[in-house]
Protein backbone atom coordinates (compact mmCIF):
# COMPACT_ATOMS: atom_id res chain seq x y z
CA MET A 1 -8.60 16.91 -5.75
CA THR A 2 -11.50 18.57 -3.95
CA ARG A 3 -10.39 17.21 -1.07
CA GLY A 4 -6.42 18.53 -1.04
CA ALA A 5 -7.77 21.76 -1.87
CA LEU A 6 -10.04 21.93 0.92
CA ALA A 7 -6.91 20.64 3.14
CA ALA A 8 -3.31 22.78 3.37
CA GLY A 9 -4.76 26.12 2.20
CA PRO A 10 -7.41 26.40 4.03
CA LEU A 11 -5.45 25.36 7.22
CA LEU A 12 -2.92 27.59 6.30
CA LEU A 13 -4.92 30.49 6.25
CA ALA A 14 -6.56 30.21 9.23
CA ALA A 15 -3.17 29.56 11.32
CA VAL A 16 -2.23 33.39 9.41
CA LEU A 17 -5.88 35.16 10.28
CA LEU A 18 -5.03 33.53 13.95
CA HIS A 19 -1.53 34.78 14.07
CA ARG A 20 -0.13 31.04 14.05
CA THR A 21 1.87 30.68 11.21
CA SER A 22 4.14 28.69 12.00
CA LEU A 23 1.79 25.62 13.59
CA GLY A 24 -0.33 26.39 10.65
CA VAL A 25 2.89 25.10 8.28
CA VAL A 26 3.10 22.36 10.46
CA ALA A 27 -0.56 21.40 9.86
CA ALA A 28 -0.23 22.41 6.16
CA ILE A 29 2.65 19.63 5.77
CA ALA A 30 0.91 17.11 7.90
CA ALA A 31 -2.68 17.65 5.44
CA MET A 32 -0.24 17.49 2.71
CA LEU A 33 1.23 13.97 3.69
CA ALA A 34 -1.98 12.83 4.59
CA GLY A 35 -2.84 13.31 0.93
CA ILE A 36 -0.18 12.10 -0.78
CA ASN A 37 -1.62 8.82 1.14
CA ASP A 38 -5.07 9.47 0.31
CA ARG A 39 -6.19 6.69 -2.31
CA PRO A 40 -9.38 5.87 -3.88
CA GLY A 41 -11.37 3.24 -1.47
CA SER A 42 -13.20 3.10 1.87
CA ARG A 43 -13.99 5.59 4.42
CA ARG A 44 -12.85 2.58 6.85
CA GLY A 45 -10.04 1.80 5.17
CA ALA A 46 -8.79 5.56 5.09
CA VAL A 47 -8.88 5.89 8.47
CA ARG A 48 -5.98 3.53 8.82
CA ARG A 49 -4.46 4.29 6.01
CA LEU A 50 -4.10 8.07 6.88
CA GLY A 51 -4.14 7.39 10.34
CA VAL A 52 -1.49 5.28 11.42
CA PRO A 53 0.93 7.25 9.35
CA ALA A 54 -0.27 10.24 11.05
CA ALA A 55 0.31 9.36 14.25
CA ALA A 56 3.89 8.11 13.63
CA GLY A 57 4.55 11.47 11.98
CA ALA A 58 3.46 13.53 15.24
CA ILE A 59 5.74 11.23 17.31
CA GLY A 60 8.40 11.76 14.83
CA LEU A 61 7.84 15.23 14.93
CA LEU A 62 7.89 15.12 18.70
CA ALA A 63 11.50 13.35 18.87
CA GLY A 64 12.87 15.38 16.49
CA THR A 65 11.75 18.70 17.88
CA TYR A 66 12.73 17.85 21.70
CA GLY A 67 15.89 16.70 20.06
CA GLY A 68 16.82 19.45 17.87
CA ALA A 69 16.48 21.64 20.98
CA HIS A 70 18.37 19.97 23.51
CA LEU A 71 21.19 17.68 21.67
CA ALA A 72 24.51 18.60 20.33
CA ALA A 73 24.79 17.66 16.46
CA VAL A 74 26.62 14.19 17.20
CA PRO A 75 23.94 12.80 19.60
CA LEU A 76 21.16 14.19 17.16
CA THR A 77 22.73 12.24 14.11
CA LEU A 78 22.62 9.23 16.73
CA LEU A 79 19.15 9.59 17.41
CA LEU A 80 17.70 9.99 13.95
CA THR A 81 19.63 7.03 12.90
CA GLY A 82 18.37 4.91 15.17
CA LEU A 83 14.70 6.08 14.22
CA GLY A 84 15.83 5.29 10.38
CA LEU A 85 16.72 1.81 11.75
CA VAL A 86 13.21 1.20 13.51
CA ALA A 87 10.99 3.13 10.98
CA GLY A 88 13.18 1.04 8.06
CA GLY A 89 12.31 -2.17 10.06
CA THR A 90 8.94 -1.87 10.74
CA SER A 91 8.20 -0.69 6.94
CA ALA A 92 8.93 -4.13 6.01
CA VAL A 93 5.89 -5.27 7.76
CA GLY A 94 3.02 -3.58 5.02
CA PRO A 95 2.05 -0.58 2.79
CA VAL A 96 0.70 1.29 6.02
CA ALA A 97 3.59 0.48 7.89
CA SER A 98 5.79 1.82 4.96
CA GLY A 99 3.77 4.78 4.92
CA ALA A 100 3.88 5.23 8.89
CA GLY A 101 8.11 4.84 8.62
CA THR A 102 8.11 7.49 6.20
CA GLN A 103 6.01 9.91 7.95
CA LEU A 104 7.77 9.23 11.18
CA LEU A 105 11.24 9.87 9.69
CA VAL A 106 10.21 13.13 7.33
CA ALA A 107 8.38 14.73 10.40
CA ALA A 108 11.86 13.92 12.64
CA ALA A 109 13.73 15.59 10.04
CA ILE A 110 10.96 18.54 9.98
CA GLY A 111 11.42 18.41 13.50
CA ALA A 112 14.89 18.95 14.37
CA GLY A 113 16.05 21.15 11.22
CA MET A 114 13.05 23.52 11.60
CA PRO A 115 12.98 24.99 15.11
CA VAL A 116 10.40 27.08 16.00
CA ALA A 117 9.33 28.79 19.03
CA GLU A 118 5.71 26.20 19.93
CA ALA A 119 7.06 23.09 22.08
CA GLY A 120 7.30 19.95 20.44
CA TRP A 121 3.85 18.72 22.23
CA GLN A 122 2.38 22.19 20.13
CA ARG A 123 3.65 21.23 17.04
CA ALA A 124 2.54 17.28 17.31
CA LEU A 125 -0.96 18.60 18.38
CA ALA A 126 -0.92 20.69 14.87
CA PHE A 127 0.10 17.79 13.08
CA LEU A 128 -2.37 15.36 14.50
CA ALA A 129 -5.17 18.28 13.48
CA GLY A 130 -3.61 19.17 10.17
CA ALA A 131 -3.74 15.14 8.71
CA GLY A 132 -7.11 14.66 11.19
CA TRP A 133 -8.63 17.97 9.18
CA LEU A 134 -7.97 15.71 5.87
CA LEU A 135 -9.47 12.39 7.68
CA VAL A 136 -12.68 14.41 8.42
CA LEU A 137 -13.09 15.24 4.83
CA ARG A 138 -12.05 11.86 3.52
CA LEU A 139 -15.02 10.72 6.47
CA ALA A 140 -17.52 13.28 5.00
CA LEU A 141 -17.29 14.16 1.54
CA PRO A 142 -19.24 11.57 -0.39
CA THR A 143 -17.52 10.22 -3.57
CA PRO A 144 -18.28 12.09 -6.79
CA GLY A 145 -21.29 9.96 -8.46
CA ALA A 146 -21.90 7.79 -5.22
CA ILE A 147 -25.93 7.68 -5.51
CA ALA A 148 -26.67 4.22 -4.90
CA GLY A 149 -27.84 3.34 -1.39
CA ASP A 150 -26.27 4.55 1.63
CA TYR A 151 -22.66 6.96 0.17
CA ARG A 152 -20.89 6.17 3.08
CA PHE A 153 -20.31 3.18 1.85
CA ASP A 154 -20.02 4.07 -1.99
CA GLY A 155 -15.97 2.65 -1.92
CA GLU A 156 -16.86 -0.39 -0.19
CA ARG A 157 -19.79 -0.97 -2.60
CA ALA A 158 -17.11 0.10 -5.78
CA ALA A 159 -14.83 -2.59 -4.67
CA VAL A 160 -16.94 -5.20 -3.93
CA ALA A 161 -18.61 -5.04 -7.44
CA ALA A 162 -15.30 -4.98 -8.78
CA VAL A 163 -14.86 -8.59 -7.58
CA TYR A 164 -17.70 -9.78 -9.75
CA ASP A 165 -16.30 -8.04 -12.87
CA ALA A 166 -12.57 -9.72 -12.18
CA VAL A 167 -14.43 -13.16 -11.99
CA ALA A 168 -16.35 -12.19 -15.48
CA ASP A 169 -13.38 -11.27 -16.90
CA LEU A 170 -10.98 -14.47 -15.64
CA LEU A 171 -14.34 -16.50 -17.24
CA ASP A 172 -13.62 -14.77 -20.36
CA ALA A 173 -10.07 -15.62 -20.46
CA VAL A 174 -10.46 -19.18 -19.51
CA GLY A 175 -8.15 -21.04 -21.80
CA SER A 176 -5.88 -18.22 -23.44
CA GLU A 177 -2.94 -16.72 -22.43
CA ALA A 178 -4.17 -13.83 -20.80
CA ALA A 179 -6.05 -16.27 -17.87
CA GLY A 180 -2.68 -15.99 -15.72
CA GLY A 181 -3.31 -12.03 -15.92
CA ARG A 182 -6.62 -12.35 -14.94
CA ARG A 183 -6.35 -14.41 -11.97
CA ALA A 184 -3.83 -11.68 -10.73
CA ALA A 185 -6.31 -8.79 -11.23
CA LEU A 186 -9.10 -11.21 -9.41
CA THR A 187 -6.78 -11.72 -6.31
CA ALA A 188 -5.97 -7.80 -6.41
CA ALA A 189 -9.56 -6.93 -6.42
CA LEU A 190 -10.18 -9.45 -3.92
CA ASP A 191 -7.56 -7.87 -1.50
CA HIS A 192 -9.02 -4.35 -2.33
CA ALA A 193 -12.61 -5.09 -1.21
CA GLN A 194 -11.40 -7.23 1.83
CA ASP A 195 -9.26 -4.12 3.15
CA ALA A 196 -12.30 -1.95 2.18
CA LEU A 197 -14.61 -4.00 4.42
CA THR A 198 -12.63 -4.99 7.25
CA GLY A 199 -11.08 -1.42 8.53
CA PRO A 200 -11.48 -0.05 11.88
CA ARG A 201 -14.43 -0.30 13.46
CA LEU A 202 -16.31 1.29 16.64
CA ARG A 203 -18.40 -1.81 17.03
CA ARG A 204 -17.52 -5.41 16.68
CA TYR A 205 -20.11 -5.93 13.75
CA ALA A 206 -22.11 -3.70 10.93
CA SER A 207 -23.76 -0.88 11.92
CA SER A 208 -26.52 -0.91 9.31
CA ALA A 209 -28.18 -3.02 6.76
CA ALA A 210 -26.16 -1.40 3.78
CA GLU A 211 -23.28 -2.62 5.14
CA ARG A 212 -24.25 -5.97 6.17
CA ARG A 213 -25.68 -6.53 2.44
CA LEU A 214 -22.34 -5.58 1.26
CA HIS A 215 -20.57 -8.04 3.68
CA THR A 216 -23.08 -11.02 2.69
CA GLN A 217 -22.67 -10.14 -1.17
CA TYR A 218 -18.26 -9.89 -0.51
CA ALA A 219 -19.00 -13.47 1.22
CA ALA A 220 -20.80 -14.91 -1.47
CA ALA A 221 -18.25 -13.83 -4.43
CA LEU A 222 -15.52 -16.03 -2.61
CA PRO A 223 -16.92 -19.44 -3.87
CA LEU A 224 -17.39 -17.82 -7.30
CA ALA A 225 -13.80 -16.65 -7.33
CA GLU A 226 -12.44 -20.29 -6.34
CA ALA A 227 -14.68 -22.11 -8.87
CA ALA A 228 -13.33 -19.54 -11.90
CA THR A 229 -9.88 -20.10 -10.53
CA ALA A 230 -10.60 -24.02 -10.92
CA LEU A 231 -12.13 -23.41 -14.40
CA ALA A 232 -8.54 -21.24 -15.24
CA TRP A 233 -6.51 -23.89 -14.04
CA ALA A 234 -8.58 -26.80 -15.73
CA GLY A 235 -7.90 -24.98 -19.10
CA ALA A 236 -10.90 -25.75 -21.26
CA PRO A 237 -12.22 -22.64 -23.17
CA MET A 238 -15.88 -21.83 -22.03
CA SER A 239 -18.76 -20.70 -23.34
CA ALA A 240 -19.42 -16.69 -23.24
CA ARG A 241 -22.68 -16.84 -21.18
CA ALA A 242 -20.39 -18.04 -18.26
CA ALA A 243 -19.45 -14.47 -17.62
CA GLU A 244 -23.38 -13.15 -17.77
CA GLY A 245 -23.96 -14.00 -14.45
CA PRO A 246 -21.06 -12.28 -12.29
CA ARG A 247 -20.96 -9.39 -14.75
CA ARG A 248 -24.92 -8.99 -13.53
CA LEU A 249 -24.09 -9.35 -10.48
CA ALA A 250 -21.66 -6.67 -10.11
CA ALA A 251 -24.05 -4.63 -11.56
CA ALA A 252 -26.84 -5.10 -9.24
CA VAL A 253 -23.56 -4.22 -5.97
CA ARG A 254 -23.21 -0.77 -8.27
CA ASP A 255 -26.78 -0.06 -8.08
CA ASN A 256 -27.94 -1.48 -4.92
CA GLY A 257 -30.61 -3.62 -6.62
CA GLY A 258 -31.49 -7.09 -7.50
CA THR A 259 -29.88 -9.31 -10.20
CA GLY A 260 -32.44 -9.98 -12.46
CA PRO A 261 -32.45 -13.26 -14.41
CA LEU A 262 -29.24 -15.09 -14.74
CA PRO A 263 -27.88 -17.58 -17.29
CA ALA A 264 -28.84 -21.12 -17.43
CA PRO A 265 -26.62 -23.70 -15.28
CA SER A 266 -24.46 -25.79 -17.65
CA ARG A 267 -23.16 -28.84 -15.13
CA SER A 268 -20.75 -31.11 -17.28
CA ALA A 269 -17.63 -30.73 -15.07
CA PRO A 270 -17.25 -30.33 -11.62
CA ALA A 271 -15.74 -26.80 -11.74
CA LEU A 272 -18.56 -25.72 -13.78
CA ARG A 273 -21.27 -27.31 -11.11
CA ALA A 274 -19.15 -25.52 -8.41
CA LEU A 275 -19.90 -22.02 -10.74
CA ASP A 276 -23.57 -22.75 -10.88
CA ASP A 277 -23.96 -23.59 -7.25
CA ALA A 278 -22.10 -20.48 -6.11
CA LEU A 279 -23.97 -18.16 -8.91
CA LEU A 280 -26.93 -19.43 -7.15
CA SER A 281 -26.13 -19.17 -4.21
CA ALA A 282 -25.32 -15.54 -4.27
CA ALA A 283 -28.70 -14.68 -6.13
CA GLU A 284 -30.24 -15.96 -3.15
CA ALA A 285 -28.05 -13.79 -0.73
CA PHE A 286 -28.38 -10.51 -3.41
CA ASP A 287 -32.31 -11.30 -3.23
CA ARG A 288 -32.33 -11.04 0.41
CA ALA A 289 -33.98 -7.74 1.94
CA GLU A 290 -30.98 -7.65 4.42
CA GLY A 291 -27.95 -9.86 4.29
CA GLY A 292 -26.61 -11.72 7.15
CA GLU A 293 -23.94 -10.77 9.36
CA GLN A 294 -21.01 -12.44 7.72
CA ARG A 295 -17.75 -9.87 8.51
CA PRO A 296 -15.49 -10.74 5.33
CA PRO A 297 -11.96 -13.10 6.56
CA ALA A 298 -9.41 -10.66 7.86
CA ARG A 299 -5.79 -11.22 7.23
CA ARG A 300 -4.31 -13.52 10.09
CA ARG A 301 -1.38 -10.93 11.10
CA GLY A 302 -0.83 -10.87 15.24
CA PRO A 303 2.29 -9.40 16.54
CA LYS A 304 4.01 -12.50 15.83
CA GLU A 305 4.29 -12.19 12.54
CA ILE A 306 4.65 -8.76 12.51
CA LEU A 307 7.56 -8.88 14.90
CA ARG A 308 9.01 -11.64 12.48
CA ALA A 309 8.61 -9.23 9.47
CA ALA A 310 10.29 -6.19 11.00
CA LEU A 311 13.19 -8.48 12.58
CA GLY A 312 13.50 -10.88 9.54
CA SER A 313 15.89 -10.46 7.19
CA GLY A 314 14.00 -8.57 5.09
CA GLY A 315 13.27 -5.73 7.76
CA ARG A 316 16.99 -6.29 9.05
CA GLU A 317 17.86 -5.27 5.57
CA TYR A 318 16.03 -2.76 5.31
CA GLY A 319 15.94 -0.74 8.14
CA LEU A 320 20.11 -0.62 7.70
CA ARG A 321 19.71 0.68 4.65
CA VAL A 322 17.30 2.93 6.16
CA ALA A 323 19.47 3.92 8.99
CA VAL A 324 22.40 4.65 7.14
CA CYS A 325 20.75 6.99 4.10
CA PHE A 326 18.76 8.94 7.15
CA GLY A 327 21.66 9.14 9.87
CA ALA A 328 24.49 10.34 6.74
CA SER A 329 21.98 12.49 5.33
CA ALA A 330 21.68 14.34 8.59
CA ALA A 331 24.89 14.47 9.65
CA ILE A 332 25.95 16.19 6.17
CA ALA A 333 23.11 18.52 6.30
CA GLN A 334 24.19 19.52 9.91
CA ALA A 335 27.68 20.28 8.85
CA LEU A 336 26.91 22.21 6.16
CA HIS A 337 24.37 23.99 8.11
CA HIS A 338 27.21 24.58 11.11
CA ALA A 339 29.34 25.47 7.89
CA ARG A 340 27.21 28.48 6.72
CA TRP A 341 26.79 26.94 3.57
CA TYR A 342 22.99 27.50 3.68
CA GLY A 343 23.84 31.38 3.55
CA GLN A 344 20.59 32.99 4.76
CA HIS A 345 18.90 29.59 4.99
CA GLN A 346 18.93 28.34 8.44
CA HIS A 347 16.71 24.97 8.17
CA TRP A 348 18.44 21.86 7.16
CA TYR A 349 15.50 19.31 6.87
CA TRP A 350 15.42 19.03 3.46
CA LEU A 351 18.64 16.89 2.72
CA PRO A 352 17.41 13.82 5.28
CA ALA A 353 13.76 14.47 4.10
CA THR A 354 14.62 14.22 0.31
CA ALA A 355 16.57 10.71 1.59
CA VAL A 356 13.74 9.39 2.97
CA PHE A 357 11.67 9.40 0.10
CA LEU A 358 14.44 8.14 -2.18
CA VAL A 359 15.52 5.10 -0.16
CA LYS A 360 12.03 3.56 -0.15
CA PRO A 361 12.03 0.73 -2.59
CA ASP A 362 8.28 0.92 -2.49
CA LEU A 363 8.57 3.83 -4.81
CA GLY A 364 10.03 2.23 -7.55
CA PRO A 365 13.56 1.08 -8.68
CA LEU A 366 16.60 3.17 -7.19
CA ALA A 367 17.87 4.28 -10.26
CA SER A 368 14.56 5.56 -11.38
CA ARG A 369 13.79 7.20 -7.75
CA VAL A 370 16.94 9.25 -8.31
CA LEU A 371 16.43 10.51 -11.42
CA CYS A 372 12.21 11.47 -10.87
CA ARG A 373 13.60 12.87 -7.44
CA ALA A 374 16.20 15.26 -9.25
CA ALA A 375 13.99 16.36 -12.25
CA GLY A 376 10.98 16.55 -10.03
CA THR A 377 12.62 18.89 -7.59
CA VAL A 378 14.60 20.87 -10.05
CA LEU A 379 11.19 21.56 -12.13
CA GLY A 380 9.61 22.57 -8.74
CA ALA A 381 11.93 24.77 -7.62
CA LEU A 382 12.33 26.88 -11.15
CA LEU A 383 8.36 27.03 -11.18
CA PHE A 384 8.23 28.13 -7.38
CA ALA A 385 10.95 31.06 -8.33
CA GLY A 386 8.98 32.03 -10.94
CA PHE A 387 5.35 31.92 -8.72
CA ALA A 388 7.45 33.71 -6.04
CA ALA A 389 8.48 36.62 -7.60
CA VAL A 390 5.15 37.74 -8.95
CA LEU A 391 2.43 36.30 -6.40
CA PRO A 392 1.50 38.71 -3.48
CA ARG A 393 2.45 37.68 -0.27
CA PRO A 394 0.87 35.61 1.74
CA GLU A 395 -2.27 35.62 0.29
CA GLY A 396 -0.97 34.30 -3.37
CA LEU A 397 1.27 32.01 -1.35
CA ILE A 398 -1.66 30.43 0.40
CA ALA A 399 -3.69 30.14 -3.00
CA LEU A 400 -0.82 28.04 -4.39
CA VAL A 401 -0.38 25.95 -1.33
CA ALA A 402 -4.76 25.04 -2.39
CA VAL A 403 -3.40 24.57 -5.78
CA CYS A 404 -0.72 22.29 -5.39
CA GLY A 405 -2.86 20.42 -2.27
CA ALA A 406 -5.75 19.82 -4.87
CA LEU A 407 -2.89 18.58 -7.49
CA VAL A 408 -1.10 15.89 -5.23
CA PRO A 409 -3.95 13.46 -5.77
CA VAL A 410 -2.81 13.50 -9.70
CA SER A 411 0.76 13.36 -9.14
CA THR A 412 0.81 10.68 -7.57
CA ARG A 413 0.55 8.54 -10.23
CA HIS A 414 4.44 9.78 -11.44
CA PHE A 415 7.35 9.94 -8.75
CA ALA A 416 8.68 12.86 -10.75
CA ALA A 417 5.05 14.91 -11.03
CA GLN A 418 4.34 14.19 -7.50
CA THR A 419 8.22 15.61 -6.81
CA ALA A 420 7.51 18.66 -8.71
CA VAL A 421 4.35 19.38 -6.90
CA VAL A 422 5.45 18.60 -3.04
CA THR A 423 8.62 20.87 -3.97
CA VAL A 424 6.40 24.08 -4.90
CA LEU A 425 4.09 23.04 -1.98
CA VAL A 426 6.70 23.15 0.89
CA LEU A 427 8.62 26.06 -0.46
CA ALA A 428 5.38 28.45 -0.66
CA LEU A 429 4.85 26.99 3.07
CA VAL A 430 8.00 27.86 4.44
CA MET A 431 8.02 31.20 2.78
CA VAL A 432 5.00 31.74 3.90
CA GLY A 433 6.30 30.96 7.55
CA GLY A 434 9.10 33.25 7.63
CA GLU A 435 11.82 31.74 5.63
CA PRO A 436 13.60 33.77 2.22
CA GLN A 437 13.21 32.00 -1.34
CA ALA A 438 15.51 29.06 -1.25
CA SER A 439 14.52 27.51 -4.73
CA VAL A 440 18.94 27.34 -5.72
CA SER A 441 19.54 25.45 -2.33
CA ARG A 442 16.59 22.84 -2.70
CA ILE A 443 18.13 22.03 -6.22
CA GLY A 444 21.73 21.64 -4.52
CA GLU A 445 20.28 19.60 -1.44
CA THR A 446 18.46 17.34 -3.78
CA LEU A 447 21.15 16.57 -5.64
CA LEU A 448 23.52 15.82 -2.98
CA ALA A 449 20.70 13.79 -1.50
CA CYS A 450 20.54 11.44 -4.83
CA ALA A 451 24.39 10.82 -5.31
CA LEU A 452 23.97 9.78 -1.56
CA VAL A 453 21.44 7.45 -1.81
CA LEU A 454 22.40 6.10 -5.16
CA ILE A 455 26.06 5.29 -3.81
CA ILE A 456 24.78 3.74 -0.62
CA GLY A 457 22.11 1.96 -1.96
CA HIS A 458 25.04 -0.08 -4.03
CA LEU A 459 27.20 -0.24 -1.33
CA PRO A 460 27.56 -3.93 0.56
CA LEU A 461 25.85 -3.52 3.86
CA PRO A 462 26.17 -6.53 5.95
CA GLY A 463 23.98 -9.47 5.46
CA ARG A 464 22.40 -11.14 2.00
CA ARG A 465 21.18 -8.82 -0.66
CA GLY A 466 17.39 -9.10 -1.59
CA GLY A 467 16.28 -10.30 1.83
CA GLY A 468 13.14 -8.67 1.45
CA VAL A 469 12.32 -10.21 -1.90
CA ARG A 470 13.40 -13.78 -0.15
CA ALA A 471 11.07 -13.01 3.21
CA ARG A 472 8.05 -12.14 1.10
CA LEU A 473 8.43 -15.66 -0.62
CA THR A 474 8.97 -17.19 2.40
CA THR A 475 5.53 -15.86 3.81
CA ALA A 476 3.92 -17.13 1.02
CA GLY A 477 5.30 -20.47 1.02
CA ARG A 478 3.58 -20.86 4.55
CA ALA A 479 0.52 -19.45 3.55
CA ALA A 480 0.79 -21.75 0.65
CA HIS A 481 1.60 -24.33 2.82
CA ALA A 482 -1.47 -23.79 5.22
CA TYR A 483 -3.83 -23.32 2.65
CA LEU A 484 -3.14 -27.00 1.10
CA ALA A 485 -2.91 -29.01 4.17
CA HIS A 486 -6.25 -27.36 5.06
CA VAL A 487 -7.76 -28.65 1.79
CA LEU A 488 -5.90 -31.96 2.05
CA SER A 489 -7.28 -32.30 5.65
CA GLU A 490 -10.95 -31.99 3.75
CA SER A 491 -12.60 -29.92 6.49
CA ASP A 492 -15.60 -29.03 5.89
CA ASP A 493 -14.73 -25.03 7.68
CA ARG A 494 -15.36 -23.19 4.46
CA GLY A 495 -14.69 -19.97 5.93
CA GLU A 496 -11.32 -20.71 7.08
CA ARG A 497 -10.54 -22.32 3.68
CA TRP A 498 -11.34 -19.44 1.75
CA ALA A 499 -9.28 -17.31 4.47
CA LEU A 500 -6.45 -19.51 4.00
CA ARG A 501 -7.34 -18.96 0.24
CA ARG A 502 -6.92 -15.25 0.44
CA GLU A 503 -3.90 -15.24 2.60
CA ALA A 504 -1.86 -17.47 0.61
CA TYR A 505 -3.02 -15.31 -2.70
CA ARG A 506 -2.38 -11.84 -1.32
CA THR A 507 0.93 -13.25 0.27
CA LEU A 508 1.88 -14.64 -3.29
CA GLY A 509 0.91 -11.39 -5.01
CA GLU A 510 3.39 -9.00 -2.52
CA ALA A 511 6.29 -11.25 -3.39
CA ARG A 512 5.64 -10.75 -6.98
CA THR A 513 5.50 -7.08 -6.36
CA ALA A 514 8.61 -7.47 -4.78
CA ILE A 515 10.03 -9.51 -7.29
CA ALA A 516 9.44 -6.85 -9.90
CA LEU A 517 10.43 -4.10 -8.42
CA ALA A 518 13.87 -6.07 -7.57
CA ALA A 519 14.46 -7.08 -11.26
CA ALA A 520 13.65 -3.42 -12.56
CA GLU A 521 17.38 -2.17 -10.71
CA LEU A 522 20.55 -1.98 -12.10
CA PRO A 523 22.28 -5.09 -12.68
CA ALA A 524 24.35 -4.44 -9.81
CA LEU A 525 21.37 -4.87 -7.46
CA ALA A 526 18.98 -7.15 -9.83
CA ARG A 527 21.44 -9.73 -9.71
CA HIS A 528 21.04 -10.71 -6.08
CA THR A 529 17.26 -11.72 -6.46
CA GLU A 530 17.87 -13.64 -9.99
CA GLY A 531 15.53 -16.60 -9.85
CA THR A 532 13.20 -15.77 -7.60
CA ASP A 533 10.30 -15.07 -10.20
CA ALA A 534 10.86 -19.09 -11.35
CA VAL A 535 9.91 -20.01 -7.72
CA ALA A 536 6.85 -17.52 -7.36
CA ALA A 537 5.63 -19.06 -10.70
CA VAL A 538 5.63 -22.40 -9.09
CA LEU A 539 3.96 -21.33 -5.69
CA GLU A 540 1.84 -19.68 -8.03
CA ARG A 541 0.55 -22.68 -9.81
CA LEU A 542 0.64 -24.53 -6.46
CA VAL A 543 -1.84 -22.40 -4.92
CA ASP A 544 -3.97 -22.49 -8.13
CA THR A 545 -3.63 -26.49 -7.79
CA THR A 546 -4.96 -26.22 -4.45
CA THR A 547 -7.92 -24.38 -5.52
CA ALA A 548 -8.70 -26.51 -8.49
CA CYS A 549 -8.80 -29.85 -5.75
CA ALA A 550 -10.28 -27.72 -3.01
CA VAL A 551 -13.37 -27.34 -5.74
CA HIS A 552 -13.13 -31.06 -6.90
CA LEU A 553 -13.29 -32.10 -3.53
CA ASP A 554 -16.67 -30.65 -2.99
CA GLU A 555 -17.88 -31.80 -5.80
CA THR A 556 -16.75 -35.38 -5.83
CA GLY A 557 -15.55 -36.03 -2.25
CA ARG A 558 -11.56 -37.32 -4.11
CA LEU A 559 -8.42 -35.98 -5.69
CA THR A 560 -7.74 -37.27 -9.57
CA ALA A 561 -4.52 -38.93 -10.53
CA GLN A 562 -3.70 -35.24 -12.33
CA HIS A 563 -4.47 -33.52 -9.03
CA THR A 564 -2.04 -35.36 -6.81
CA ARG A 565 0.36 -35.85 -9.55
CA GLN A 566 0.54 -31.82 -10.23
CA LEU A 567 0.54 -31.08 -6.07
CA ARG A 568 3.68 -33.96 -6.03
CA GLU A 569 5.65 -32.63 -9.06
CA LEU A 570 4.97 -28.77 -7.58
CA ALA A 571 6.20 -30.07 -4.14
CA ALA A 572 9.28 -31.09 -5.57
CA GLU A 573 10.23 -28.45 -7.76
CA LEU A 574 9.02 -25.22 -4.94
CA GLU A 575 11.39 -27.34 -2.44
CA HIS A 576 14.35 -27.56 -4.86
CA GLY A 577 14.17 -23.95 -6.04
CA GLY A 578 13.97 -22.94 -2.72
CA GLN A 579 16.79 -24.49 -1.51
CA ARG A 580 18.90 -23.47 -4.43
CA LEU A 581 18.01 -19.71 -3.71
CA GLY A 582 18.02 -19.81 0.04
CA VAL A 583 14.47 -19.21 0.19
CA VAL A 584 12.85 -21.07 3.30
CA VAL A 585 9.54 -23.16 1.90
CA PRO A 586 7.86 -25.79 4.52
CA ARG A 587 7.86 -29.06 3.04
CA MET A 588 4.35 -29.31 1.27
CA PRO A 589 1.94 -32.21 2.26
CA VAL A 590 2.01 -34.51 -0.26
CA ALA A 591 -1.34 -35.87 -1.55
CA ALA A 592 -2.08 -39.78 -1.02
């Protein structure tokens, strides 16, 4: 909230004082969009999370500005439709790519529909400056309460501590119905910590003792997580003291201190022996004055995998639907603009920009997004109409922009609240830029965009629906195959195994999220992904069994009949379910 208050408002104030108001509006919009992507986490992770979408937004603003200035309505609509196709397909790659696609299209709509006197390259630089200012605030300001050690790594420290807490929570739930959910929570914590520690860096290796120590502590958590997963797979209830060790390690990470005494070992089973060995190794790593250079396993995503995600069935389906929605909304907006439906209002960017947010499946089910967007816009427009009637200009509106900037991080918890805050903020920005009060027209454009996206979202398009979900299940199946093959090869490369395990669980979690979002759609859309949750459940059990096999092989050197039988059964069930639903899953290697 502090960063949000110091971002858009001060930028706009500086621009007004320098008599460059239009560029200040662009910079403030960029800061607002960056604020939407500003999430809790590490500073290094924030560079990618905020910087990549900002760069895409600058490119979109450049293309939209020059397209709007030099192209007629039909060629401009084709240009925006092409950008929608590219941005939609790219959004299927992952969350950061999705944010980049969103900012590309929103900025392109603003550039084409809000012409100003400055050249396109000046607006693009102003956009980068606005997002860059928020990124500077993110890197420079400490997180409140971060007092343990070097505050630059407070996000990483919290993420690594959360992993040890998640291990303890899973151990507490072993043998109960809550174990499945706790294992999924452990996966999410590991994903978050991995992203926090493996963000972009200027140097190849960690540059400080504090960072190297965090890397060592994260690496020490991986065998603990593996052993806890194997114990959860076995399902035998455990004593309460099993979770004490991981909890003390979590406290040591947060306090940047030592572990203190740990509970006595219990070595009655292979998985318990693995847990105690991992706990002892972690304690030794924590007690070192300075950790070694143990970089966390990064995601294995090269250009080939990224292109496969963007050009695969999920990317094609996503890209086509975004292109149709964005292109149609831009065409309608231009037609209304040339027909003078807007009256004094000369800018037509609101309709396509609204369609971009509505067509994004990673923001929730379509019907829910439409209802929340409509309700949030109506509320925000009415609130702004009241503020505009009483606030002095421009100082009152600039203060309103600062307040809304502070509220953006809170409002992201609900799409309707976020829409209301963003509506007030944008209306205040464009009024400072010289546009008349436009609350009524904004409500009309939003309702029109809602109807358009709702109709196109349910229209049959070329290709099979549910491609995004099937593509993620296919990716998860490939990762599970690679993990199982490595474990059954009995390789001694623990680092490779942990990296493959992380990728298998991460892709499985992404597939689960996509399935849950698709299942929450209206029946006309949800029916296209029916049965995929059962395939994901089988895949999850297979990865858990693989983890149990890995731990057992480490301790005994051979698998039990229960392990091999369950691997065969799960592989056969997965192959049958994949064929029935059209999910391409590699044939799993069967244990001897």
